[in-house]
Amino acid sequence: MTPREIIKRNLTFSDPARLGMTFGGEGWLNDMRGGGLAASRLWTQKRWVEGNVEYSDDEWGNVWRRIVGMSAGGEIHEPALKDWAMLADLRLPDYDADYRFEPAREAFAEESEHY
């Protein structure tokens, strides 16, 4: 049974051979195929270090921080919306730009075995 069949049978309660699984990493069970967005052409990430803290921004306007050498992802230090009154001025990422979906299109076009 292919990963695609396993997921379809899980979704339709049609006696799958096992539960569908999505684990990352080489050699792990993974029945799903993912696809992400291309980087925005309208935004460039800023990154800077102050002492032992690294800061960076994201395309939503949040400022993240992490301790250098001790954490990989970090946390939001300053949110894009500090107050709901700022909502009208929030600049949204360009998720409507067709080029941003090209990596997902390519990933899914070559995939036939995974869901």
N, C-alpha and C. Protein backbone atom coordinates (compact mmCIF):
# COMPACT_ATOMS: atom_id res chain seq x y z
N MET A 1 0.85 -1.17 0.00
CA MET A 1 0.00 0.00 0.00
C MET A 1 0.90 1.24 0.00
N THR A 2 0.64 2.15 -0.93
CA THR A 2 1.46 3.36 -1.01
C THR A 2 1.08 4.34 0.10
N PRO A 3 1.97 5.28 0.40
CA PRO A 3 1.62 6.30 1.39
C PRO A 3 0.34 7.05 1.03
N ARG A 4 0.14 7.33 -0.25
CA ARG A 4 -1.08 8.02 -0.69
C ARG A 4 -2.32 7.19 -0.37
N GLU A 5 -2.26 5.89 -0.62
CA GLU A 5 -3.40 5.01 -0.33
C GLU A 5 -3.66 4.93 1.18
N ILE A 6 -2.59 4.89 1.96
CA ILE A 6 -2.76 4.83 3.41
C ILE A 6 -3.49 6.07 3.92
N ILE A 7 -3.09 7.24 3.46
CA ILE A 7 -3.75 8.48 3.90
C ILE A 7 -5.19 8.51 3.43
N LYS A 8 -5.45 8.16 2.17
CA LYS A 8 -6.83 8.16 1.67
C LYS A 8 -7.71 7.21 2.50
N ARG A 9 -7.17 6.05 2.82
CA ARG A 9 -7.95 5.10 3.63
C ARG A 9 -8.15 5.59 5.06
N ASN A 10 -7.15 6.31 5.61
CA ASN A 10 -7.32 6.91 6.92
C ASN A 10 -8.45 7.93 6.89
N LEU A 11 -8.47 8.75 5.85
CA LEU A 11 -9.47 9.82 5.75
C LEU A 11 -10.88 9.30 5.52
N THR A 12 -10.98 8.17 4.88
CA THR A 12 -12.31 7.62 4.57
C THR A 12 -12.68 6.44 5.47
N PHE A 13 -11.85 6.18 6.50
CA PHE A 13 -12.09 5.08 7.44
C PHE A 13 -12.30 3.76 6.70
N SER A 14 -11.41 3.48 5.72
CA SER A 14 -11.54 2.31 4.85
C SER A 14 -10.45 1.29 5.10
N ASP A 15 -10.28 0.88 6.34
CA ASP A 15 -9.37 -0.20 6.70
C ASP A 15 -7.93 0.02 6.21
N PRO A 16 -7.27 1.11 6.66
CA PRO A 16 -5.87 1.32 6.26
C PRO A 16 -4.96 0.29 6.91
N ALA A 17 -3.81 0.05 6.31
CA ALA A 17 -2.84 -0.90 6.85
C ALA A 17 -2.26 -0.40 8.17
N ARG A 18 -2.23 0.92 8.35
CA ARG A 18 -1.71 1.54 9.56
C ARG A 18 -2.16 3.00 9.58
N LEU A 19 -1.87 3.67 10.66
CA LEU A 19 -2.13 5.10 10.75
C LEU A 19 -1.23 5.85 9.77
N GLY A 20 -1.72 6.92 9.23
CA GLY A 20 -0.89 7.77 8.39
C GLY A 20 0.12 8.50 9.26
N MET A 21 1.32 8.69 8.75
CA MET A 21 2.38 9.30 9.56
C MET A 21 3.10 10.40 8.80
N THR A 22 3.56 11.38 9.54
CA THR A 22 4.33 12.48 8.96
C THR A 22 5.48 12.79 9.89
N PHE A 23 6.59 12.10 9.68
CA PHE A 23 7.80 12.34 10.44
C PHE A 23 8.86 12.85 9.49
N GLY A 24 9.63 13.83 9.90
CA GLY A 24 10.70 14.35 9.07
C GLY A 24 11.97 13.55 9.28
N GLY A 25 12.88 13.71 8.39
CA GLY A 25 14.18 13.06 8.55
C GLY A 25 14.33 11.83 7.68
N GLU A 26 15.53 11.56 7.33
CA GLU A 26 15.85 10.42 6.48
C GLU A 26 15.53 9.11 7.19
N GLY A 27 14.83 8.22 6.51
CA GLY A 27 14.52 6.91 7.06
C GLY A 27 13.29 6.86 7.96
N TRP A 28 12.63 7.98 8.20
CA TRP A 28 11.42 8.00 9.03
C TRP A 28 10.19 7.81 8.15
N LEU A 29 9.13 7.25 8.75
CA LEU A 29 7.88 7.09 8.02
C LEU A 29 7.28 8.45 7.73
N ASN A 30 6.94 8.66 6.46
CA ASN A 30 6.34 9.91 6.06
C ASN A 30 5.44 9.65 4.86
N ASP A 31 4.14 9.84 5.07
CA ASP A 31 3.16 9.60 4.01
C ASP A 31 2.76 10.87 3.28
N MET A 32 3.29 12.00 3.71
CA MET A 32 2.86 13.28 3.16
C MET A 32 3.98 13.96 2.39
N ARG A 33 3.59 14.80 1.48
CA ARG A 33 4.55 15.65 0.74
C ARG A 33 4.18 17.09 1.03
N GLY A 34 5.14 17.89 1.39
CA GLY A 34 4.88 19.30 1.67
C GLY A 34 5.47 20.19 0.60
N GLY A 35 5.03 21.40 0.59
CA GLY A 35 5.55 22.38 -0.35
C GLY A 35 5.43 23.75 0.27
N GLY A 36 6.43 24.55 0.10
CA GLY A 36 6.42 25.87 0.72
C GLY A 36 6.42 26.99 -0.30
N LEU A 37 6.52 28.18 0.21
CA LEU A 37 6.53 29.38 -0.62
C LEU A 37 7.95 29.80 -0.98
N ALA A 38 8.08 30.44 -2.11
CA ALA A 38 9.35 31.09 -2.46
C ALA A 38 9.47 32.36 -1.63
N ALA A 39 10.68 32.81 -1.45
CA ALA A 39 10.92 34.06 -0.71
C ALA A 39 10.28 35.23 -1.45
N SER A 40 9.84 36.18 -0.69
CA SER A 40 9.24 37.38 -1.25
C SER A 40 10.31 38.22 -1.96
N ARG A 41 9.94 38.81 -3.07
CA ARG A 41 10.83 39.74 -3.76
C ARG A 41 10.68 41.15 -3.22
N LEU A 42 9.69 41.35 -2.36
CA LEU A 42 9.42 42.68 -1.81
C LEU A 42 10.00 42.89 -0.42
N TRP A 43 10.54 41.83 0.18
CA TRP A 43 11.02 41.91 1.55
C TRP A 43 12.36 41.21 1.67
N THR A 44 13.26 41.79 2.41
CA THR A 44 14.56 41.19 2.70
C THR A 44 14.73 41.16 4.21
N GLN A 45 15.06 40.01 4.74
CA GLN A 45 15.21 39.87 6.19
C GLN A 45 16.38 40.69 6.71
N LYS A 46 16.15 41.31 7.85
CA LYS A 46 17.21 42.03 8.56
C LYS A 46 17.60 41.18 9.76
N ARG A 47 18.89 41.14 10.06
CA ARG A 47 19.41 40.34 11.17
C ARG A 47 20.53 41.12 11.82
N TRP A 48 20.53 41.21 13.15
CA TRP A 48 21.59 41.92 13.86
C TRP A 48 21.79 41.30 15.24
N VAL A 49 22.96 41.53 15.81
CA VAL A 49 23.32 40.96 17.11
C VAL A 49 23.64 42.11 18.07
N GLU A 50 23.09 42.00 19.27
CA GLU A 50 23.41 42.92 20.36
C GLU A 50 23.81 42.07 21.55
N GLY A 51 25.10 42.12 21.91
CA GLY A 51 25.60 41.26 22.98
C GLY A 51 25.50 39.81 22.56
N ASN A 52 24.81 39.00 23.37
CA ASN A 52 24.64 37.58 23.03
C ASN A 52 23.25 37.28 22.49
N VAL A 53 22.52 38.33 22.06
CA VAL A 53 21.17 38.16 21.53
C VAL A 53 21.15 38.54 20.05
N GLU A 54 20.62 37.62 19.23
CA GLU A 54 20.45 37.89 17.81
C GLU A 54 18.99 38.26 17.56
N TYR A 55 18.79 39.30 16.77
CA TYR A 55 17.46 39.76 16.39
C TYR A 55 17.28 39.57 14.90
N SER A 56 16.06 39.35 14.48
CA SER A 56 15.74 39.29 13.06
C SER A 56 14.27 39.66 12.90
N ASP A 57 13.91 40.03 11.68
CA ASP A 57 12.51 40.34 11.43
C ASP A 57 11.93 39.29 10.49
N ASP A 58 10.60 39.26 10.40
CA ASP A 58 9.94 38.39 9.44
C ASP A 58 9.09 39.25 8.51
N GLU A 59 8.55 38.64 7.49
CA GLU A 59 7.85 39.44 6.48
C GLU A 59 6.52 40.00 6.97
N TRP A 60 6.06 39.58 8.13
CA TRP A 60 4.85 40.17 8.73
C TRP A 60 5.16 41.45 9.49
N GLY A 61 6.46 41.63 9.84
CA GLY A 61 6.85 42.81 10.59
C GLY A 61 7.17 42.51 12.04
N ASN A 62 7.14 41.24 12.44
CA ASN A 62 7.53 40.87 13.79
C ASN A 62 9.05 40.92 13.93
N VAL A 63 9.53 41.25 15.12
CA VAL A 63 10.96 41.19 15.41
C VAL A 63 11.18 40.02 16.36
N TRP A 64 12.05 39.10 15.95
CA TRP A 64 12.34 37.89 16.72
C TRP A 64 13.67 38.07 17.45
N ARG A 65 13.86 37.30 18.52
CA ARG A 65 15.15 37.28 19.21
C ARG A 65 15.46 35.86 19.65
N ARG A 66 16.76 35.60 19.75
CA ARG A 66 17.22 34.30 20.25
C ARG A 66 18.58 34.51 20.88
N ILE A 67 18.95 33.63 21.78
CA ILE A 67 20.27 33.68 22.39
C ILE A 67 21.24 32.99 21.44
N VAL A 68 22.27 33.69 21.06
CA VAL A 68 23.25 33.17 20.09
C VAL A 68 23.88 31.90 20.65
N GLY A 69 23.89 30.86 19.83
CA GLY A 69 24.52 29.60 20.20
C GLY A 69 23.72 28.73 21.15
N MET A 70 22.56 29.19 21.60
CA MET A 70 21.78 28.39 22.56
C MET A 70 20.38 28.05 22.06
N SER A 71 19.91 28.74 21.05
CA SER A 71 18.57 28.44 20.54
C SER A 71 18.56 28.57 19.03
N ALA A 72 17.68 27.82 18.39
CA ALA A 72 17.64 27.82 16.94
C ALA A 72 16.58 28.76 16.39
N GLY A 73 15.40 28.78 17.01
CA GLY A 73 14.30 29.54 16.44
C GLY A 73 14.07 30.88 17.09
N GLY A 74 14.02 30.90 18.37
CA GLY A 74 13.77 32.13 19.08
C GLY A 74 12.29 32.36 19.35
N GLU A 75 11.98 33.62 19.67
CA GLU A 75 10.61 34.00 20.00
C GLU A 75 10.36 35.41 19.51
N ILE A 76 9.11 35.77 19.37
CA ILE A 76 8.79 37.12 18.96
C ILE A 76 9.08 38.07 20.11
N HIS A 77 9.89 39.06 19.83
CA HIS A 77 10.29 40.07 20.80
C HIS A 77 9.39 41.30 20.70
N GLU A 78 9.12 41.71 19.47
CA GLU A 78 8.22 42.83 19.21
C GLU A 78 7.23 42.39 18.15
N PRO A 79 5.95 42.30 18.47
CA PRO A 79 4.96 41.88 17.47
C PRO A 79 4.72 42.97 16.44
N ALA A 80 4.31 42.56 15.27
CA ALA A 80 3.99 43.52 14.21
C ALA A 80 2.84 44.43 14.65
N LEU A 81 1.90 43.86 15.37
CA LEU A 81 0.77 44.64 15.91
C LEU A 81 0.96 44.78 17.41
N LYS A 82 1.44 45.92 17.82
CA LYS A 82 1.59 46.16 19.26
C LYS A 82 0.26 46.54 19.88
N ASP A 83 -0.67 46.98 19.04
CA ASP A 83 -1.98 47.40 19.49
C ASP A 83 -2.96 47.19 18.33
N TRP A 84 -4.19 46.78 18.62
CA TRP A 84 -5.17 46.53 17.56
C TRP A 84 -5.44 47.78 16.73
N ALA A 85 -5.19 48.95 17.28
CA ALA A 85 -5.39 50.20 16.54
C ALA A 85 -4.45 50.28 15.33
N MET A 86 -3.39 49.49 15.33
CA MET A 86 -2.42 49.49 14.23
C MET A 86 -2.84 48.60 13.06
N LEU A 87 -3.93 47.86 13.22
CA LEU A 87 -4.34 46.88 12.21
C LEU A 87 -4.53 47.50 10.82
N ALA A 88 -5.12 48.66 10.74
CA ALA A 88 -5.37 49.29 9.44
C ALA A 88 -4.07 49.60 8.69
N ASP A 89 -2.97 49.77 9.40
CA ASP A 89 -1.68 50.10 8.76
C ASP A 89 -0.80 48.87 8.52
N LEU A 90 -1.26 47.69 8.91
CA LEU A 90 -0.46 46.48 8.75
C LEU A 90 -0.27 46.17 7.27
N ARG A 91 0.97 45.99 6.86
CA ARG A 91 1.28 45.62 5.48
C ARG A 91 1.42 44.10 5.43
N LEU A 92 0.53 43.47 4.69
CA LEU A 92 0.53 42.01 4.60
C LEU A 92 1.59 41.52 3.63
N PRO A 93 2.14 40.33 3.87
CA PRO A 93 3.08 39.74 2.91
C PRO A 93 2.40 39.53 1.55
N ASP A 94 3.19 39.45 0.52
CA ASP A 94 2.65 39.29 -0.84
C ASP A 94 2.34 37.82 -1.16
N TYR A 95 1.43 37.25 -0.39
CA TYR A 95 1.05 35.85 -0.61
C TYR A 95 0.19 35.67 -1.86
N ASP A 96 -0.26 36.75 -2.46
CA ASP A 96 -1.03 36.64 -3.68
C ASP A 96 -0.15 36.64 -4.93
N ALA A 97 1.15 36.76 -4.77
CA ALA A 97 2.08 36.75 -5.90
C ALA A 97 2.27 35.32 -6.41
N ASP A 98 1.96 35.11 -7.65
CA ASP A 98 1.99 33.77 -8.24
C ASP A 98 3.35 33.09 -8.12
N TYR A 99 4.45 33.84 -8.29
CA TYR A 99 5.79 33.26 -8.25
C TYR A 99 6.10 32.59 -6.92
N ARG A 100 5.42 33.03 -5.85
CA ARG A 100 5.72 32.47 -4.52
C ARG A 100 5.27 31.02 -4.41
N PHE A 101 4.36 30.57 -5.25
CA PHE A 101 3.83 29.21 -5.18
C PHE A 101 4.54 28.24 -6.11
N GLU A 102 5.50 28.72 -6.87
CA GLU A 102 6.21 27.86 -7.82
C GLU A 102 6.91 26.67 -7.15
N PRO A 103 7.62 26.84 -6.02
CA PRO A 103 8.24 25.66 -5.39
C PRO A 103 7.23 24.59 -5.00
N ALA A 104 6.06 24.99 -4.53
CA ALA A 104 5.03 24.01 -4.17
C ALA A 104 4.50 23.32 -5.43
N ARG A 105 4.28 24.09 -6.49
CA ARG A 105 3.82 23.49 -7.75
C ARG A 105 4.81 22.43 -8.24
N GLU A 106 6.09 22.77 -8.19
CA GLU A 106 7.12 21.84 -8.66
C GLU A 106 7.16 20.58 -7.78
N ALA A 107 7.09 20.76 -6.47
CA ALA A 107 7.14 19.62 -5.56
C ALA A 107 5.96 18.69 -5.78
N PHE A 108 4.77 19.25 -5.95
CA PHE A 108 3.58 18.41 -6.10
C PHE A 108 3.47 17.81 -7.49
N ALA A 109 4.03 18.47 -8.51
CA ALA A 109 3.97 17.96 -9.87
C ALA A 109 4.79 16.68 -10.02
N GLU A 110 5.91 16.59 -9.28
CA GLU A 110 6.76 15.41 -9.40
C GLU A 110 6.38 14.31 -8.42
N GLU A 111 5.39 14.56 -7.59
CA GLU A 111 5.01 13.60 -6.55
C GLU A 111 3.80 12.77 -6.99
N SER A 112 3.90 11.45 -6.84
CA SER A 112 2.76 10.59 -7.13
C SER A 112 2.49 9.57 -6.03
N GLU A 113 3.49 9.32 -5.20
CA GLU A 113 3.35 8.28 -4.18
C GLU A 113 2.83 8.80 -2.85
N HIS A 114 3.16 10.02 -2.49
CA HIS A 114 2.76 10.58 -1.20
C HIS A 114 1.50 11.40 -1.34
N TYR A 115 0.83 11.62 -0.22
CA TYR A 115 -0.41 12.39 -0.24
C TYR A 115 -0.09 13.86 -0.19
